[in-house]
C-alpha atoms as a PDB file:
ATOM      1  CA  UNK A   1     144.495 155.626  82.606  1.00  0.00           C
ATOM      2  CA  UNK A   2     146.847 154.206  80.002  1.00  0.00           C
ATOM      3  CA  UNK A   3     145.889 151.087  78.092  1.00  0.00           C
ATOM      4  CA  UNK A   4     149.096 149.321  79.164  1.00  0.00           C
ATOM      5  CA  UNK A   5     148.340 149.863  82.837  1.00  0.00           C
ATOM      6  CA  UNK A   6     144.886 148.418  82.366  1.00  0.00           C
ATOM      7  CA  UNK A   7     146.252 145.261  80.835  1.00  0.00           C
ATOM      8  CA  UNK A   8     148.836 145.026  83.605  1.00  0.00           C
ATOM      9  CA  UNK A   9     146.040 145.101  86.170  1.00  0.00           C
ATOM     10  CA  UNK A  10     144.240 142.340  84.328  1.00  0.00           C
ATOM     11  CA  UNK A  11     143.102 141.539  80.809  1.00  0.00           C
ATOM     12  CA  UNK A  12     139.537 142.212  79.814  1.00  0.00           C
ATOM     13  CA  UNK A  13     137.252 139.205  79.878  1.00  0.00           C
ATOM     14  CA  UNK A  14     134.065 138.348  78.011  1.00  0.00           C
ATOM     15  CA  UNK A  15     133.146 135.054  79.602  1.00  0.00           C
ATOM     16  CA  UNK A  16     130.330 133.051  81.073  1.00  0.00           C
ATOM     17  CA  UNK A  17     128.790 130.227  79.120  1.00  0.00           C
ATOM     18  CA  UNK A  18     125.555 129.097  80.709  1.00  0.00           C
ATOM     19  CA  UNK A  19     126.606 125.471  80.982  1.00  0.00           C
ATOM     20  CA  UNK A  20     129.705 126.397  82.997  1.00  0.00           C
ATOM     21  CA  UNK A  21     127.878 128.080  85.845  1.00  0.00           C
ATOM     22  CA  UNK A  22     128.192 126.540  89.305  1.00  0.00           C
ATOM     23  CA  UNK A  23     124.929 128.232  90.307  1.00  0.00           C
ATOM     24  CA  UNK A  24     122.085 127.344  87.985  1.00  0.00           C
ATOM     25  CA  UNK A  25     119.160 129.569  87.094  1.00  0.00           C
ATOM     26  CA  UNK A  26     116.070 128.485  89.031  1.00  0.00           C
ATOM     27  CA  UNK A  27     118.090 126.762  91.753  1.00  0.00           C
ATOM     28  CA  UNK A  28     118.586 128.011  95.302  1.00  0.00           C
ATOM     29  CA  UNK A  29     121.330 130.633  95.487  1.00  0.00           C
ATOM     30  CA  UNK A  30     124.012 129.404  97.910  1.00  0.00           C
ATOM     31  CA  UNK A  31     123.980 131.151 101.256  1.00  0.00           C
ATOM     32  CA  UNK A  32     127.134 132.893 102.413  1.00  0.00           C
ATOM     33  CA  UNK A  33     128.450 134.980 105.269  1.00  0.00           C
ATOM     34  CA  UNK A  34     130.763 137.949 104.687  1.00  0.00           C
ATOM     35  CA  UNK A  35     131.862 141.029 106.585  1.00  0.00           C
ATOM     36  CA  UNK A  36     130.936 144.454 105.294  1.00  0.00           C
ATOM     37  CA  UNK A  37     133.522 147.203 104.913  1.00  0.00           C
ATOM     38  CA  UNK A  38     131.983 148.704 108.053  1.00  0.00           C
ATOM     39  CA  UNK A  39     132.665 145.538 110.047  1.00  0.00           C
ATOM     40  CA  UNK A  40     129.137 144.095 110.092  1.00  0.00           C
ATOM     41  CA  UNK A  41     128.407 140.419 109.507  1.00  0.00           C
ATOM     42  CA  UNK A  42     126.060 139.935 106.554  1.00  0.00           C
ATOM     43  CA  UNK A  43     124.421 136.709 105.374  1.00  0.00           C
ATOM     44  CA  UNK A  44     122.494 136.278 102.157  1.00  0.00           C
ATOM     45  CA  UNK A  45     119.845 134.504 104.250  1.00  0.00           C
ATOM     46  CA  UNK A  46     119.398 137.727 106.258  1.00  0.00           C
ATOM     47  CA  UNK A  47     117.350 138.923 103.293  1.00  0.00           C
ATOM     48  CA  UNK A  48     114.896 136.050 103.085  1.00  0.00           C
ATOM     49  CA  UNK A  49     111.765 137.029 101.121  1.00  0.00           C
ATOM     50  CA  UNK A  50     113.614 139.937  99.486  1.00  0.00           C
ATOM     51  CA  UNK A  51     114.906 140.313  95.941  1.00  0.00           C
ATOM     52  CA  UNK A  52     118.693 140.597  96.133  1.00  0.00           C
ATOM     53  CA  UNK A  53     121.215 141.897  93.605  1.00  0.00           C
ATOM     54  CA  UNK A  54     124.797 140.668  93.918  1.00  0.00           C
ATOM     55  CA  UNK A  55     127.315 142.836  92.095  1.00  0.00           C
ATOM     56  CA  UNK A  56     130.977 141.872  91.872  1.00  0.00           C
ATOM     57  CA  UNK A  57     132.787 145.145  92.427  1.00  0.00           C
ATOM     58  CA  UNK A  58     136.263 146.622  91.964  1.00  0.00           C
ATOM     59  CA  UNK A  59     136.613 150.361  91.506  1.00  0.00           C
ATOM     60  CA  UNK A  60     140.103 149.747  90.127  1.00  0.00           C
ATOM     61  CA  UNK A  61     138.422 148.235  87.062  1.00  0.00           C
ATOM     62  CA  UNK A  62     137.617 150.800  84.341  1.00  0.00           C
ATOM     63  CA  UNK A  63     134.362 149.012  83.512  1.00  0.00           C
ATOM     64  CA  UNK A  64     133.166 149.360  87.119  1.00  0.00           C
ATOM     65  CA  UNK A  65     134.378 152.951  87.204  1.00  0.00           C
ATOM     66  CA  UNK A  66     132.437 153.729  84.029  1.00  0.00           C
ATOM     67  CA  UNK A  67     129.183 152.710  85.700  1.00  0.00           C
ATOM     68  CA  UNK A  68     129.885 154.746  88.826  1.00  0.00           C
ATOM     69  CA  UNK A  69     131.696 157.896  87.693  1.00  0.00           C
ATOM     70  CA  UNK A  70     128.520 159.590  86.435  1.00  0.00           C
ATOM     71  CA  UNK A  71     126.267 158.122  89.110  1.00  0.00           C
ATOM     72  CA  UNK A  72     124.465 155.627  86.870  1.00  0.00           C
ATOM     73  CA  UNK A  73     124.852 152.575  89.105  1.00  0.00           C
ATOM     74  CA  UNK A  74     124.075 154.632  92.199  1.00  0.00           C
ATOM     75  CA  UNK A  75     120.813 155.796  90.638  1.00  0.00           C
ATOM     76  CA  UNK A  76     119.800 152.184  90.008  1.00  0.00           C
ATOM     77  CA  UNK A  77     120.657 151.243  93.573  1.00  0.00           C
ATOM     78  CA  UNK A  78     118.509 154.087  94.888  1.00  0.00           C
ATOM     79  CA  UNK A  79     115.643 153.357  92.500  1.00  0.00           C
ATOM     80  CA  UNK A  80     115.357 149.722  93.500  1.00  0.00           C
ATOM     81  CA  UNK A  81     115.981 150.362  97.199  1.00  0.00           C
ATOM     82  CA  UNK A  82     112.664 152.226  97.078  1.00  0.00           C
ATOM     83  CA  UNK A  83     111.151 148.967  95.830  1.00  0.00           C
ATOM     84  CA  UNK A  84     112.768 147.070  98.751  1.00  0.00           C
ATOM     85  CA  UNK A  85     115.414 145.400  96.593  1.00  0.00           C
ATOM     86  CA  UNK A  86     118.637 144.596  98.459  1.00  0.00           C
ATOM     87  CA  UNK A  87     121.843 145.476  96.569  1.00  0.00           C
ATOM     88  CA  UNK A  88     125.051 143.858  97.792  1.00  0.00           C
ATOM     89  CA  UNK A  89     128.463 144.714  96.367  1.00  0.00           C
ATOM     90  CA  UNK A  90     131.078 141.954  96.722  1.00  0.00           C
ATOM     91  CA  UNK A  91     134.785 142.699  96.403  1.00  0.00           C
ATOM     92  CA  UNK A  92     136.803 139.522  95.816  1.00  0.00           C
ATOM     93  CA  UNK A  93     140.118 141.269  95.123  1.00  0.00           C
ATOM     94  CA  UNK A  94     142.979 139.433  96.813  1.00  0.00           C
ATOM     95  CA  UNK A  95     145.254 141.366  99.210  1.00  0.00           C
ATOM     96  CA  UNK A  96     148.349 141.042  97.003  1.00  0.00           C
ATOM     97  CA  UNK A  97     146.768 142.771  94.007  1.00  0.00           C
ATOM     98  CA  UNK A  98     147.223 146.465  93.279  1.00  0.00           C
ATOM     99  CA  UNK A  99     143.433 146.988  93.234  1.00  0.00           C
ATOM    100  CA  UNK A 100     143.062 145.710  96.800  1.00  0.00           C
ATOM    101  CA  UNK A 101     141.548 148.189  99.247  1.00  0.00           C
ATOM    102  CA  UNK A 102     141.707 148.098 103.040  1.00  0.00           C
ATOM    103  CA  UNK A 103     138.421 148.343 104.934  1.00  0.00           C
ATOM    104  CA  UNK A 104     139.162 151.994 105.666  1.00  0.00           C
ATOM    105  CA  UNK A 105     139.754 152.758 101.989  1.00  0.00           C
ATOM    106  CA  UNK A 106     136.616 150.879 100.955  1.00  0.00           C
ATOM    107  CA  UNK A 107     134.538 152.977 103.362  1.00  0.00           C
ATOM    108  CA  UNK A 108     136.084 156.132 101.891  1.00  0.00           C
ATOM    109  CA  UNK A 109     135.400 154.843  98.379  1.00  0.00           C
ATOM    110  CA  UNK A 110     131.718 154.328  99.185  1.00  0.00           C
ATOM    111  CA  UNK A 111     131.467 157.873 100.530  1.00  0.00           C
ATOM    112  CA  UNK A 112     133.555 159.415  97.751  1.00  0.00           C
ATOM    113  CA  UNK A 113     131.372 157.951  95.010  1.00  0.00           C
ATOM    114  CA  UNK A 114     128.131 158.246  97.009  1.00  0.00           C
ATOM    115  CA  UNK A 115     127.437 154.549  96.450  1.00  0.00           C
ATOM    116  CA  UNK A 116     123.890 153.578  97.439  1.00  0.00           C
ATOM    117  CA  UNK A 117     124.281 149.826  97.959  1.00  0.00           C
ATOM    118  CA  UNK A 118     122.821 148.014 100.944  1.00  0.00           C
ATOM    119  CA  UNK A 119     126.328 146.841 101.888  1.00  0.00           C
ATOM    120  CA  UNK A 120     129.815 146.450 100.417  1.00  0.00           C
ATOM    121  CA  UNK A 121     131.091 143.011 101.377  1.00  0.00           C
ATOM    122  CA  UNK A 122     134.699 141.847 101.513  1.00  0.00           C
ATOM    123  CA  UNK A 123     135.575 138.463 100.004  1.00  0.00           C
ATOM    124  CA  UNK A 124     139.358 138.792  99.844  1.00  0.00           C
ATOM    125  CA  UNK A 125     139.924 135.032  99.933  1.00  0.00           C
ATOM    126  CA  UNK A 126     137.579 134.679  96.966  1.00  0.00           C
ATOM    127  CA  UNK A 127     135.476 131.888  98.471  1.00  0.00           C
ATOM    128  CA  UNK A 128     132.115 133.456  97.649  1.00  0.00           C
ATOM    129  CA  UNK A 129     133.289 134.611  94.234  1.00  0.00           C
ATOM    130  CA  UNK A 130     134.387 131.086  93.391  1.00  0.00           C
ATOM    131  CA  UNK A 131     131.173 129.664  94.834  1.00  0.00           C
ATOM    132  CA  UNK A 132     129.184 131.756  92.358  1.00  0.00           C
ATOM    133  CA  UNK A 133     131.860 131.559  89.665  1.00  0.00           C
ATOM    134  CA  UNK A 134     131.910 135.332  89.409  1.00  0.00           C
ATOM    135  CA  UNK A 135     134.167 136.123  86.482  1.00  0.00           C
ATOM    136  CA  UNK A 136     134.188 139.863  85.953  1.00  0.00           C
ATOM    137  CA  UNK A 137     133.657 143.234  87.545  1.00  0.00           C
ATOM    138  CA  UNK A 138     130.864 143.826  87.211  1.00  0.00           C
ATOM    139  CA  UNK A 139     129.293 140.340  87.146  1.00  0.00           C
ATOM    140  CA  UNK A 140     125.669 140.570  88.225  1.00  0.00           C
ATOM    141  CA  UNK A 141     123.415 138.048  89.932  1.00  0.00           C
ATOM    142  CA  UNK A 142     119.758 138.506  90.888  1.00  0.00           C
ATOM    143  CA  UNK A 143     118.191 136.293  93.550  1.00  0.00           C
ATOM    144  CA  UNK A 144     114.410 136.250  93.681  1.00  0.00           C
ATOM    145  CA  UNK A 145     112.271 136.507  96.819  1.00  0.00           C
ATOM    146  CA  UNK A 146     112.136 132.704  97.059  1.00  0.00           C
ATOM    147  CA  UNK A 147     115.909 132.554  97.239  1.00  0.00           C
ATOM    148  CA  UNK A 148     116.414 131.181  93.728  1.00  0.00           C
ATOM    149  CA  UNK A 149     118.839 132.530  91.171  1.00  0.00           C
ATOM    150  CA  UNK A 150     116.779 134.456  88.616  1.00  0.00           C
ATOM    151  CA  UNK A 151     119.477 136.171  86.540  1.00  0.00           C
ATOM    152  CA  UNK A 152     123.233 136.105  86.043  1.00  0.00           C
ATOM    153  CA  UNK A 153     125.495 137.882  83.604  1.00  0.00           C
ATOM    154  CA  UNK A 154     126.214 141.387  82.374  1.00  0.00           C
ATOM    155  CA  UNK A 155     124.716 144.561  83.787  1.00  0.00           C
ATOM    156  CA  UNK A 156     123.729 145.617  80.254  1.00  0.00           C
ATOM    157  CA  UNK A 157     124.340 145.060  76.554  1.00  0.00           C
ATOM    158  CA  UNK A 158     127.120 147.664  76.166  1.00  0.00           C
ATOM    159  CA  UNK A 159     130.523 146.178  76.922  1.00  0.00           C
ATOM    160  CA  UNK A 160     132.373 148.896  74.999  1.00  0.00           C
ATOM    161  CA  UNK A 161     135.816 149.565  76.389  1.00  0.00           C
ATOM    162  CA  UNK A 162     135.648 152.902  78.241  1.00  0.00           C
ATOM    163  CA  UNK A 163     133.455 154.562  75.590  1.00  0.00           C
ATOM    164  CA  UNK A 164     130.167 152.916  76.536  1.00  0.00           C
ATOM    165  CA  UNK A 165     127.236 154.904  77.870  1.00  0.00           C
ATOM    166  CA  UNK A 166     125.243 152.981  80.518  1.00  0.00           C
ATOM    167  CA  UNK A 167     122.364 155.449  80.259  1.00  0.00           C
ATOM    168  CA  UNK A 168     121.721 154.376  76.658  1.00  0.00           C
ATOM    169  CA  UNK A 169     122.286 150.646  77.092  1.00  0.00           C
ATOM    170  CA  UNK A 170     119.719 147.895  77.481  1.00  0.00           C
ATOM    171  CA  UNK A 171     120.008 147.057  81.173  1.00  0.00           C
ATOM    172  CA  UNK A 172     119.473 143.344  81.801  1.00  0.00           C
ATOM    173  CA  UNK A 173     119.421 143.695  85.574  1.00  0.00           C
ATOM    174  CA  UNK A 174     116.679 146.315  85.427  1.00  0.00           C
ATOM    175  CA  UNK A 175     114.647 144.106  83.107  1.00  0.00           C
ATOM    176  CA  UNK A 176     114.986 141.169  85.493  1.00  0.00           C
ATOM    177  CA  UNK A 177     114.130 143.247  88.555  1.00  0.00           C
ATOM    178  CA  UNK A 178     111.117 144.873  86.939  1.00  0.00           C
ATOM    179  CA  UNK A 179     109.747 141.492  85.903  1.00  0.00           C
ATOM    180  CA  UNK A 180     110.275 139.977  89.341  1.00  0.00           C
ATOM    181  CA  UNK A 181     108.674 142.960  91.066  1.00  0.00           C
ATOM    182  CA  UNK A 182     105.684 142.615  88.715  1.00  0.00           C
ATOM    183  CA  UNK A 183     105.400 138.927  89.619  1.00  0.00           C
ATOM    184  CA  UNK A 184     106.495 137.786  86.164  1.00  0.00           C
ATOM    185  CA  UNK A 185     109.181 135.264  85.167  1.00  0.00           C
ATOM    186  CA  UNK A 186     112.500 136.677  84.010  1.00  0.00           C
ATOM    187  CA  UNK A 187     112.523 136.450  80.214  1.00  0.00           C
ATOM    188  CA  UNK A 188     116.289 136.818  79.759  1.00  0.00           C
ATOM    189  CA  UNK A 189     117.874 134.940  82.640  1.00  0.00           C
ATOM    190  CA  UNK A 190     121.477 134.645  81.429  1.00  0.00           C
ATOM    191  CA  UNK A 191     123.919 136.760  79.458  1.00  0.00           C
ATOM    192  CA  UNK A 192     127.695 136.852  79.126  1.00  0.00           C
ATOM    193  CA  UNK A 193     129.311 139.113  81.723  1.00  0.00           C
ATOM    194  CA  UNK A 194     131.862 141.658  80.577  1.00  0.00           C
ATOM    195  CA  UNK A 195     134.547 143.630  82.363  1.00  0.00           C
ATOM    196  CA  UNK A 196     137.868 143.014  84.087  1.00  0.00           C
ATOM    197  CA  UNK A 197     138.592 139.577  85.477  1.00  0.00           C
ATOM    198  CA  UNK A 198     137.917 139.223  89.213  1.00  0.00           C
ATOM    199  CA  UNK A 199     141.290 139.525  90.947  1.00  0.00           C
ATOM    200  CA  UNK A 200     141.412 136.150  92.672  1.00  0.00           C
ATOM    201  CA  UNK A 201     144.670 135.090  94.322  1.00  0.00           C
ATOM    202  CA  UNK A 202     144.806 132.028  92.066  1.00  0.00           C
ATOM    203  CA  UNK A 203     142.452 132.556  89.112  1.00  0.00           C
ATOM    204  CA  UNK A 204     140.586 129.464  87.914  1.00  0.00           C
ATOM    205  CA  UNK A 205     141.411 128.256  84.401  1.00  0.00           C
ATOM    206  CA  UNK A 206     139.450 130.036  81.664  1.00  0.00           C
ATOM    207  CA  UNK A 207     136.650 128.094  80.047  1.00  0.00           C
ATOM    208  CA  UNK A 208     135.577 128.387  76.408  1.00  0.00           C
END
């Protein structure tokens, strides 16, 4: 992929100051209802008493692609599924954007990349993305078994453009999940997300 085409699709963002978050760490994560790419209705509250990962997803973003092309994100999804962690992908790409995928194409994408998420949810009007103030793909959120937000931010500490290696990075989501599973508080609850901006139909103004 050429650099120019990447910037046409959307500039790269490194955003997410803690004091700008609509959803605060330690507070109840807002419930939502979305439809999966397979046509099933999914509510966050369906997973009461479970640890839930929310991952903002867009395979048209090179940062997302980097985490999936060698199976790294899929391996994490499988690993934590064995520990009864729910992993929800949320696609908030608006229908007028070039990265938009129909339900049929999303299903094919899941199969093509052997994605191991619990469900891929469609948020094409961006309501849930805006509710959580999801800024990038990927932007990660972890909800603890009590329904409170325990982590938000980057998947890891390597936001290198295309050249990063997820296998060698410090993975913040894994750290948060391991601590929650062990019954411990999350020691690093917020980081700055990196990646491509979420493709909302009318992006909110950028905050410092």
